[in-house]
Amino acid sequence: MPVNWLYINRVTIDPVIWTAITIPYRLSQLCIFNNDENEFLVRQDSADASTETRVGIGMVWKPGEDSPVSTICYVLSVAGTGPLVIQGIRI
């Protein structure tokens, strides 16, 4: 029987510098919840504007099907400093 692990982390983000979102181990599912009263931007590559997505207030952002270990994305606050809540599960 596989073991299910739940990963939860709160991250304060910066409105000036892209913040790397990292995870300590491989996850089967991952979501980033915007619990702030401001929008944030997310990129798969901090230097590539074509990968940018805007995440609205109270919305959720999900990366691809299988999240790799280490940096999964970069986030930038439109205003404010978050927090973002990162939740994941390892099946």
PDB file of N, CA and C in Angstrom:
ATOM      1  N   MET A   1       0.848  -1.179   0.000  1.00  0.00           N
ATOM      2  CA  MET A   1       0.000   0.000   0.000  1.00  0.00           C
ATOM      3  C   MET A   1       0.895   1.245   0.000  1.00  0.00           C
ATOM      4  N   PRO A   2       0.754   2.136  -0.987  1.00  0.00           N
ATOM      5  CA  PRO A   2       1.599   3.329  -1.035  1.00  0.00           C
ATOM      6  C   PRO A   2       1.262   4.308   0.095  1.00  0.00           C
ATOM      7  N   VAL A   3       2.266   5.068   0.472  1.00  0.00           N
ATOM      8  CA  VAL A   3       2.094   6.069   1.518  1.00  0.00           C
ATOM      9  C   VAL A   3       1.765   7.411   0.870  1.00  0.00           C
ATOM     10  N   ASN A   4       0.745   8.102   1.376  1.00  0.00           N
ATOM     11  CA  ASN A   4       0.386   9.427   0.883  1.00  0.00           C
ATOM     12  C   ASN A   4       1.024  10.474   1.777  1.00  0.00           C
ATOM     13  N   TRP A   5       1.761  11.400   1.200  1.00  0.00           N
ATOM     14  CA  TRP A   5       2.382  12.484   1.945  1.00  0.00           C
ATOM     15  C   TRP A   5       1.719  13.777   1.540  1.00  0.00           C
ATOM     16  N   LEU A   6       1.431  14.624   2.496  1.00  0.00           N
ATOM     17  CA  LEU A   6       0.864  15.935   2.210  1.00  0.00           C
ATOM     18  C   LEU A   6       1.927  16.983   2.480  1.00  0.00           C
ATOM     19  N   TYR A   7       2.135  17.868   1.528  1.00  0.00           N
ATOM     20  CA  TYR A   7       3.115  18.938   1.658  1.00  0.00           C
ATOM     21  C   TYR A   7       2.371  20.262   1.649  1.00  0.00           C
ATOM     22  N   ILE A   8       2.587  21.095   2.681  1.00  0.00           N
ATOM     23  CA  ILE A   8       1.964  22.415   2.747  1.00  0.00           C
ATOM     24  C   ILE A   8       3.037  23.425   3.143  1.00  0.00           C
ATOM     25  N   ASN A   9       3.072  24.538   2.443  1.00  0.00           N
ATOM     26  CA  ASN A   9       4.038  25.591   2.746  1.00  0.00           C
ATOM     27  C   ASN A   9       3.415  26.945   2.429  1.00  0.00           C
ATOM     28  N   ARG A  10       3.672  27.936   3.288  1.00  0.00           N
ATOM     29  CA  ARG A  10       3.233  29.313   3.031  1.00  0.00           C
ATOM     30  C   ARG A  10       4.450  30.108   2.595  1.00  0.00           C
ATOM     31  N   VAL A  11       4.295  30.879   1.524  1.00  0.00           N
ATOM     32  CA  VAL A  11       5.415  31.622   0.959  1.00  0.00           C
ATOM     33  C   VAL A  11       5.057  33.098   0.856  1.00  0.00           C
ATOM     34  N   THR A  12       5.947  33.938   1.367  1.00  0.00           N
ATOM     35  CA  THR A  12       5.816  35.382   1.180  1.00  0.00           C
ATOM     36  C   THR A  12       6.521  35.723  -0.127  1.00  0.00           C
ATOM     37  N   ILE A  13       5.844  36.496  -0.980  1.00  0.00           N
ATOM     38  CA  ILE A  13       6.425  36.806  -2.284  1.00  0.00           C
ATOM     39  C   ILE A  13       6.752  38.291  -2.385  1.00  0.00           C
ATOM     40  N   ASP A  14       7.588  38.619  -3.347  1.00  0.00           N
ATOM     41  CA  ASP A  14       8.117  39.962  -3.513  1.00  0.00           C
ATOM     42  C   ASP A  14       7.460  40.640  -4.712  1.00  0.00           C
ATOM     43  N   PRO A  15       7.147  41.936  -4.623  1.00  0.00           N
ATOM     44  CA  PRO A  15       6.585  42.639  -5.783  1.00  0.00           C
ATOM     45  C   PRO A  15       7.645  43.175  -6.743  1.00  0.00           C
ATOM     46  N   VAL A  16       8.938  42.952  -6.436  1.00  0.00           N
ATOM     47  CA  VAL A  16      10.015  43.491  -7.272  1.00  0.00           C
ATOM     48  C   VAL A  16      10.854  42.391  -7.920  1.00  0.00           C
ATOM     49  N   ILE A  17      11.167  41.344  -7.156  1.00  0.00           N
ATOM     50  CA  ILE A  17      12.056  40.277  -7.621  1.00  0.00           C
ATOM     51  C   ILE A  17      11.266  38.970  -7.718  1.00  0.00           C
ATOM     52  N   TRP A  18      11.505  38.207  -8.788  1.00  0.00           N
ATOM     53  CA  TRP A  18      10.846  36.908  -8.955  1.00  0.00           C
ATOM     54  C   TRP A  18      11.289  35.976  -7.835  1.00  0.00           C
ATOM     55  N   THR A  19      10.330  35.359  -7.154  1.00  0.00           N
ATOM     56  CA  THR A  19      10.596  34.432  -6.053  1.00  0.00           C
ATOM     57  C   THR A  19      10.508  32.999  -6.580  1.00  0.00           C
ATOM     58  N   ALA A  20      11.578  32.229  -6.383  1.00  0.00           N
ATOM     59  CA  ALA A  20      11.574  30.826  -6.813  1.00  0.00           C
ATOM     60  C   ALA A  20      10.734  30.003  -5.843  1.00  0.00           C
ATOM     61  N   ILE A  21       9.834  29.203  -6.381  1.00  0.00           N
ATOM     62  CA  ILE A  21       9.032  28.282  -5.574  1.00  0.00           C
ATOM     63  C   ILE A  21       9.672  26.909  -5.710  1.00  0.00           C
ATOM     64  N   THR A  22      10.140  26.380  -4.590  1.00  0.00           N
ATOM     65  CA  THR A  22      10.807  25.087  -4.607  1.00  0.00           C
ATOM     66  C   THR A  22      10.060  24.105  -3.713  1.00  0.00           C
ATOM     67  N   ILE A  23      10.198  22.841  -4.034  1.00  0.00           N
ATOM     68  CA  ILE A  23       9.616  21.775  -3.214  1.00  0.00           C
ATOM     69  C   ILE A  23      10.731  20.787  -2.878  1.00  0.00           C
ATOM     70  N   PRO A  24      10.646  20.151  -1.706  1.00  0.00           N
ATOM     71  CA  PRO A  24      11.746  19.287  -1.265  1.00  0.00           C
ATOM     72  C   PRO A  24      11.784  17.898  -1.903  1.00  0.00           C
ATOM     73  N   TYR A  25      10.678  17.448  -2.491  1.00  0.00           N
ATOM     74  CA  TYR A  25      10.643  16.120  -3.081  1.00  0.00           C
ATOM     75  C   TYR A  25       9.578  16.073  -4.169  1.00  0.00           C
ATOM     76  N   ARG A  26       9.632  15.031  -4.976  1.00  0.00           N
ATOM     77  CA  ARG A  26       8.702  14.871  -6.104  1.00  0.00           C
ATOM     78  C   ARG A  26       7.269  14.693  -5.599  1.00  0.00           C
ATOM     79  N   LEU A  27       6.338  15.426  -6.212  1.00  0.00           N
ATOM     80  CA  LEU A  27       4.927  15.356  -5.830  1.00  0.00           C
ATOM     81  C   LEU A  27       4.084  14.883  -7.001  1.00  0.00           C
ATOM     82  N   SER A  28       3.019  14.156  -6.707  1.00  0.00           N
ATOM     83  CA  SER A  28       2.099  13.690  -7.747  1.00  0.00           C
ATOM     84  C   SER A  28       1.158  14.804  -8.186  1.00  0.00           C
ATOM     85  N   GLN A  29       0.737  15.638  -7.244  1.00  0.00           N
ATOM     86  CA  GLN A  29      -0.154  16.768  -7.536  1.00  0.00           C
ATOM     87  C   GLN A  29       0.328  17.971  -6.754  1.00  0.00           C
ATOM     88  N   LEU A  30       0.195  19.147  -7.349  1.00  0.00           N
ATOM     89  CA  LEU A  30       0.638  20.368  -6.698  1.00  0.00           C
ATOM     90  C   LEU A  30      -0.285  21.512  -7.087  1.00  0.00           C
ATOM     91  N   CYS A  31      -0.629  22.372  -6.118  1.00  0.00           N
ATOM     92  CA  CYS A  31      -1.444  23.562  -6.367  1.00  0.00           C
ATOM     93  C   CYS A  31      -0.851  24.727  -5.595  1.00  0.00           C
ATOM     94  N   ILE A  32      -0.933  25.906  -6.173  1.00  0.00           N
ATOM     95  CA  ILE A  32      -0.551  27.124  -5.468  1.00  0.00           C
ATOM     96  C   ILE A  32      -1.802  27.977  -5.348  1.00  0.00           C
ATOM     97  N   PHE A  33      -2.205  28.248  -4.115  1.00  0.00           N
ATOM     98  CA  PHE A  33      -3.412  29.018  -3.827  1.00  0.00           C
ATOM     99  C   PHE A  33      -3.046  30.465  -3.561  1.00  0.00           C
ATOM    100  N   ASN A  34      -3.784  31.383  -4.142  1.00  0.00           N
ATOM    101  CA  ASN A  34      -3.571  32.802  -3.899  1.00  0.00           C
ATOM    102  C   ASN A  34      -4.468  33.234  -2.733  1.00  0.00           C
ATOM    103  N   ASN A  35      -3.909  33.296  -1.536  1.00  0.00           N
ATOM    104  CA  ASN A  35      -4.657  33.709  -0.357  1.00  0.00           C
ATOM    105  C   ASN A  35      -4.501  35.196  -0.070  1.00  0.00           C
ATOM    106  N   ASP A  36      -3.857  35.910  -0.961  1.00  0.00           N
ATOM    107  CA  ASP A  36      -3.625  37.339  -0.793  1.00  0.00           C
ATOM    108  C   ASP A  36      -4.797  38.111  -1.395  1.00  0.00           C
ATOM    109  N   GLU A  37      -4.859  39.388  -1.116  1.00  0.00           N
ATOM    110  CA  GLU A  37      -5.879  40.256  -1.714  1.00  0.00           C
ATOM    111  C   GLU A  37      -5.362  40.929  -2.972  1.00  0.00           C
ATOM    112  N   ASN A  38      -4.267  40.404  -3.516  1.00  0.00           N
ATOM    113  CA  ASN A  38      -3.673  40.928  -4.749  1.00  0.00           C
ATOM    114  C   ASN A  38      -3.393  39.779  -5.704  1.00  0.00           C
ATOM    115  N   GLU A  39      -3.303  40.114  -6.989  1.00  0.00           N
ATOM    116  CA  GLU A  39      -2.952  39.105  -7.980  1.00  0.00           C
ATOM    117  C   GLU A  39      -1.451  38.838  -7.937  1.00  0.00           C
ATOM    118  N   PHE A  40      -1.049  37.700  -8.515  1.00  0.00           N
ATOM    119  CA  PHE A  40       0.382  37.454  -8.686  1.00  0.00           C
ATOM    120  C   PHE A  40       0.625  36.880 -10.078  1.00  0.00           C
ATOM    121  N   LEU A  41       1.857  37.008 -10.526  1.00  0.00           N
ATOM    122  CA  LEU A  41       2.280  36.477 -11.815  1.00  0.00           C
ATOM    123  C   LEU A  41       3.110  35.225 -11.559  1.00  0.00           C
ATOM    124  N   VAL A  42       2.992  34.252 -12.429  1.00  0.00           N
ATOM    125  CA  VAL A  42       3.778  33.027 -12.298  1.00  0.00           C
ATOM    126  C   VAL A  42       4.422  32.717 -13.652  1.00  0.00           C
ATOM    127  N   ARG A  43       5.673  32.282 -13.610  1.00  0.00           N
ATOM    128  CA  ARG A  43       6.412  31.887 -14.816  1.00  0.00           C
ATOM    129  C   ARG A  43       7.094  30.560 -14.573  1.00  0.00           C
ATOM    130  N   GLN A  44       7.191  29.766 -15.622  1.00  0.00           N
ATOM    131  CA  GLN A  44       7.970  28.534 -15.552  1.00  0.00           C
ATOM    132  C   GLN A  44       9.461  28.862 -15.612  1.00  0.00           C
ATOM    133  N   ASP A  45       9.802  29.937 -16.323  1.00  0.00           N
ATOM    134  CA  ASP A  45      11.191  30.404 -16.449  1.00  0.00           C
ATOM    135  C   ASP A  45      11.178  31.898 -16.134  1.00  0.00           C
ATOM    136  N   SER A  46      11.931  32.322 -15.134  1.00  0.00           N
ATOM    137  CA  SER A  46      11.883  33.722 -14.697  1.00  0.00           C
ATOM    138  C   SER A  46      12.321  34.697 -15.786  1.00  0.00           C
ATOM    139  N   ALA A  47      13.100  34.230 -16.764  1.00  0.00           N
ATOM    140  CA  ALA A  47      13.588  35.103 -17.826  1.00  0.00           C
ATOM    141  C   ALA A  47      12.721  35.063 -19.085  1.00  0.00           C
ATOM    142  N   ASP A  48      11.689  34.221 -19.124  1.00  0.00           N
ATOM    143  CA  ASP A  48      10.877  34.031 -20.324  1.00  0.00           C
ATOM    144  C   ASP A  48       9.446  34.524 -20.104  1.00  0.00           C
ATOM    145  N   ALA A  49       9.149  35.720 -20.594  1.00  0.00           N
ATOM    146  CA  ALA A  49       7.825  36.319 -20.408  1.00  0.00           C
ATOM    147  C   ALA A  49       6.715  35.539 -21.118  1.00  0.00           C
ATOM    148  N   SER A  50       7.056  34.709 -22.088  1.00  0.00           N
ATOM    149  CA  SER A  50       6.026  33.945 -22.803  1.00  0.00           C
ATOM    150  C   SER A  50       5.416  32.850 -21.927  1.00  0.00           C
ATOM    151  N   THR A  51       6.058  32.513 -20.815  1.00  0.00           N
ATOM    152  CA  THR A  51       5.520  31.483 -19.904  1.00  0.00           C
ATOM    153  C   THR A  51       4.714  32.102 -18.759  1.00  0.00           C
ATOM    154  N   GLU A  52       4.480  33.410 -18.818  1.00  0.00           N
ATOM    155  CA  GLU A  52       3.830  34.122 -17.717  1.00  0.00           C
ATOM    156  C   GLU A  52       2.311  33.947 -17.699  1.00  0.00           C
ATOM    157  N   THR A  53       1.772  33.740 -16.501  1.00  0.00           N
ATOM    158  CA  THR A  53       0.336  33.632 -16.272  1.00  0.00           C
ATOM    159  C   THR A  53      -0.027  34.517 -15.093  1.00  0.00           C
ATOM    160  N   ARG A  54      -1.158  35.208 -15.180  1.00  0.00           N
ATOM    161  CA  ARG A  54      -1.646  36.035 -14.071  1.00  0.00           C
ATOM    162  C   ARG A  54      -2.665  35.217 -13.287  1.00  0.00           C
ATOM    163  N   VAL A  55      -2.478  35.168 -11.959  1.00  0.00           N
ATOM    164  CA  VAL A  55      -3.370  34.408 -11.090  1.00  0.00           C
ATOM    165  C   VAL A  55      -4.123  35.400 -10.211  1.00  0.00           C
ATOM    166  N   GLY A  56      -5.441  35.409 -10.337  1.00  0.00           N
ATOM    167  CA  GLY A  56      -6.281  36.366  -9.634  1.00  0.00           C
ATOM    168  C   GLY A  56      -6.495  36.032  -8.165  1.00  0.00           C
ATOM    169  N   ILE A  57      -7.161  36.922  -7.486  1.00  0.00           N
ATOM    170  CA  ILE A  57      -7.457  36.787  -6.066  1.00  0.00           C
ATOM    171  C   ILE A  57      -8.304  35.538  -5.837  1.00  0.00           C
ATOM    172  N   GLY A  58      -7.886  34.699  -4.897  1.00  0.00           N
ATOM    173  CA  GLY A  58      -8.624  33.489  -4.553  1.00  0.00           C
ATOM    174  C   GLY A  58      -8.536  32.372  -5.573  1.00  0.00           C
ATOM    175  N   MET A  59      -7.690  32.507  -6.598  1.00  0.00           N
ATOM    176  CA  MET A  59      -7.587  31.481  -7.629  1.00  0.00           C
ATOM    177  C   MET A  59      -6.450  30.506  -7.324  1.00  0.00           C
ATOM    178  N   VAL A  60      -6.386  29.450  -8.113  1.00  0.00           N
ATOM    179  CA  VAL A  60      -5.392  28.392  -7.937  1.00  0.00           C
ATOM    180  C   VAL A  60      -4.601  28.234  -9.224  1.00  0.00           C
ATOM    181  N   TRP A  61      -3.290  28.004  -9.105  1.00  0.00           N
ATOM    182  CA  TRP A  61      -2.434  27.708 -10.257  1.00  0.00           C
ATOM    183  C   TRP A  61      -1.867  26.314 -10.075  1.00  0.00           C
ATOM    184  N   LYS A  62      -1.908  25.503 -11.152  1.00  0.00           N
ATOM    185  CA  LYS A  62      -1.357  24.153 -11.123  1.00  0.00           C
ATOM    186  C   LYS A  62      -0.314  24.017 -12.225  1.00  0.00           C
ATOM    187  N   PRO A  63       0.859  23.455 -11.899  1.00  0.00           N
ATOM    188  CA  PRO A  63       1.849  23.177 -12.953  1.00  0.00           C
ATOM    189  C   PRO A  63       1.444  21.926 -13.713  1.00  0.00           C
ATOM    190  N   GLY A  64       2.346  21.409 -14.515  1.00  0.00           N
ATOM    191  CA  GLY A  64       2.073  20.210 -15.302  1.00  0.00           C
ATOM    192  C   GLY A  64       1.724  19.011 -14.437  1.00  0.00           C
ATOM    193  N   GLU A  65       1.486  17.888 -15.058  1.00  0.00           N
ATOM    194  CA  GLU A  65       1.017  16.679 -14.387  1.00  0.00           C
ATOM    195  C   GLU A  65       1.949  16.194 -13.281  1.00  0.00           C
ATOM    196  N   ASP A  66       3.244  16.193 -13.498  1.00  0.00           N
ATOM    197  CA  ASP A  66       4.181  15.628 -12.537  1.00  0.00           C
ATOM    198  C   ASP A  66       5.224  16.680 -12.193  1.00  0.00           C
ATOM    199  N   SER A  67       5.238  17.159 -10.976  1.00  0.00           N
ATOM    200  CA  SER A  67       6.134  18.231 -10.566  1.00  0.00           C
ATOM    201  C   SER A  67       7.525  17.692 -10.268  1.00  0.00           C
ATOM    202  N   PRO A  68       8.545  18.278 -10.871  1.00  0.00           N
ATOM    203  CA  PRO A  68       9.906  17.824 -10.601  1.00  0.00           C
ATOM    204  C   PRO A  68      10.379  18.311  -9.227  1.00  0.00           C
ATOM    205  N   VAL A  69      11.436  17.710  -8.746  1.00  0.00           N
ATOM    206  CA  VAL A  69      12.061  18.170  -7.504  1.00  0.00           C
ATOM    207  C   VAL A  69      12.731  19.511  -7.787  1.00  0.00           C
ATOM    208  N   SER A  70      12.838  20.334  -6.810  1.00  0.00           N
ATOM    209  CA  SER A  70      13.477  21.656  -6.809  1.00  0.00           C
ATOM    210  C   SER A  70      12.541  22.743  -7.318  1.00  0.00           C
ATOM    211  N   THR A  71      13.031  23.636  -8.160  1.00  0.00           N
ATOM    212  CA  THR A  71      12.250  24.807  -8.558  1.00  0.00           C
ATOM    213  C   THR A  71      11.157  24.432  -9.556  1.00  0.00           C
ATOM    214  N   ILE A  72       9.903  24.745  -9.204  1.00  0.00           N
ATOM    215  CA  ILE A  72       8.789  24.420 -10.096  1.00  0.00           C
ATOM    216  C   ILE A  72       8.295  25.630 -10.872  1.00  0.00           C
ATOM    217  N   CYS A  73       8.499  26.833 -10.290  1.00  0.00           N
ATOM    218  CA  CYS A  73       8.086  28.053 -10.967  1.00  0.00           C
ATOM    219  C   CYS A  73       8.656  29.263 -10.233  1.00  0.00           C
ATOM    220  N   TYR A  74       8.389  30.429 -10.794  1.00  0.00           N
ATOM    221  CA  TYR A  74       8.790  31.697 -10.190  1.00  0.00           C
ATOM    222  C   TYR A  74       7.553  32.566 -10.080  1.00  0.00           C
ATOM    223  N   VAL A  75       7.405  33.279  -8.971  1.00  0.00           N
ATOM    224  CA  VAL A  75       6.234  34.124  -8.778  1.00  0.00           C
ATOM    225  C   VAL A  75       6.647  35.552  -8.459  1.00  0.00           C
ATOM    226  N   LEU A  76       5.779  36.478  -8.846  1.00  0.00           N
ATOM    227  CA  LEU A  76       5.987  37.900  -8.608  1.00  0.00           C
ATOM    228  C   LEU A  76       4.643  38.491  -8.216  1.00  0.00           C
ATOM    229  N   SER A  77       4.624  39.205  -7.109  1.00  0.00           N
ATOM    230  CA  SER A  77       3.387  39.826  -6.649  1.00  0.00           C
ATOM    231  C   SER A  77       3.104  41.072  -7.476  1.00  0.00           C
ATOM    232  N   VAL A  78       1.841  41.257  -7.864  1.00  0.00           N
ATOM    233  CA  VAL A  78       1.452  42.486  -8.557  1.00  0.00           C
ATOM    234  C   VAL A  78       1.461  43.633  -7.551  1.00  0.00           C
ATOM    235  N   ALA A  79       1.055  43.351  -6.310  1.00  0.00           N
ATOM    236  CA  ALA A  79       1.116  44.286  -5.187  1.00  0.00           C
ATOM    237  C   ALA A  79       1.062  43.452  -3.915  1.00  0.00           C
ATOM    238  N   GLY A  80       1.596  43.941  -2.828  1.00  0.00           N
ATOM    239  CA  GLY A  80       1.579  43.188  -1.586  1.00  0.00           C
ATOM    240  C   GLY A  80       2.659  42.125  -1.557  1.00  0.00           C
ATOM    241  N   THR A  81       2.588  41.248  -0.547  1.00  0.00           N
ATOM    242  CA  THR A  81       3.620  40.222  -0.375  1.00  0.00           C
ATOM    243  C   THR A  81       3.056  38.829  -0.123  1.00  0.00           C
ATOM    244  N   GLY A  82       1.821  38.610  -0.430  1.00  0.00           N
ATOM    245  CA  GLY A  82       1.262  37.280  -0.253  1.00  0.00           C
ATOM    246  C   GLY A  82       0.508  37.160   1.057  1.00  0.00           C
ATOM    247  N   PRO A  83       0.381  35.990   1.590  1.00  0.00           N
ATOM    248  CA  PRO A  83       1.123  34.772   1.285  1.00  0.00           C
ATOM    249  C   PRO A  83       0.447  33.913   0.201  1.00  0.00           C
ATOM    250  N   LEU A  84       1.272  33.077  -0.417  1.00  0.00           N
ATOM    251  CA  LEU A  84       0.761  32.020  -1.280  1.00  0.00           C
ATOM    252  C   LEU A  84       0.818  30.742  -0.459  1.00  0.00           C
ATOM    253  N   VAL A  85      -0.143  29.862  -0.668  1.00  0.00           N
ATOM    254  CA  VAL A  85      -0.137  28.575   0.017  1.00  0.00           C
ATOM    255  C   VAL A  85       0.118  27.505  -1.029  1.00  0.00           C
ATOM    256  N   ILE A  86       1.176  26.740  -0.810  1.00  0.00           N
ATOM    257  CA  ILE A  86       1.538  25.663  -1.729  1.00  0.00           C
ATOM    258  C   ILE A  86       1.114  24.354  -1.090  1.00  0.00           C
ATOM    259  N   GLN A  87       0.311  23.575  -1.800  1.00  0.00           N
ATOM    260  CA  GLN A  87      -0.127  22.280  -1.292  1.00  0.00           C
ATOM    261  C   GLN A  87       0.165  21.220  -2.324  1.00  0.00           C
ATOM    262  N   GLY A  88       0.638  20.103  -1.852  1.00  0.00           N
ATOM    263  CA  GLY A  88       0.933  19.008  -2.755  1.00  0.00           C
ATOM    264  C   GLY A  88       0.710  17.682  -2.080  1.00  0.00           C
ATOM    265  N   ILE A  89       0.606  16.647  -2.885  1.00  0.00           N
ATOM    266  CA  ILE A  89       0.446  15.299  -2.350  1.00  0.00           C
ATOM    267  C   ILE A  89       1.351  14.365  -3.135  1.00  0.00           C
ATOM    268  N   ARG A  90       1.926  13.449  -2.401  1.00  0.00           N
ATOM    269  CA  ARG A  90       2.761  12.419  -3.026  1.00  0.00           C
ATOM    270  C   ARG A  90       2.043  11.093  -2.841  1.00  0.00           C
ATOM    271  N   ILE A  91       1.724  10.448  -3.942  1.00  0.00           N
ATOM    272  CA  ILE A  91       0.999   9.174  -3.877  1.00  0.00           C
ATOM    273  C   ILE A  91       1.952   8.040  -4.176  1.00  0.00           C
TER     274      ILE A  91
END
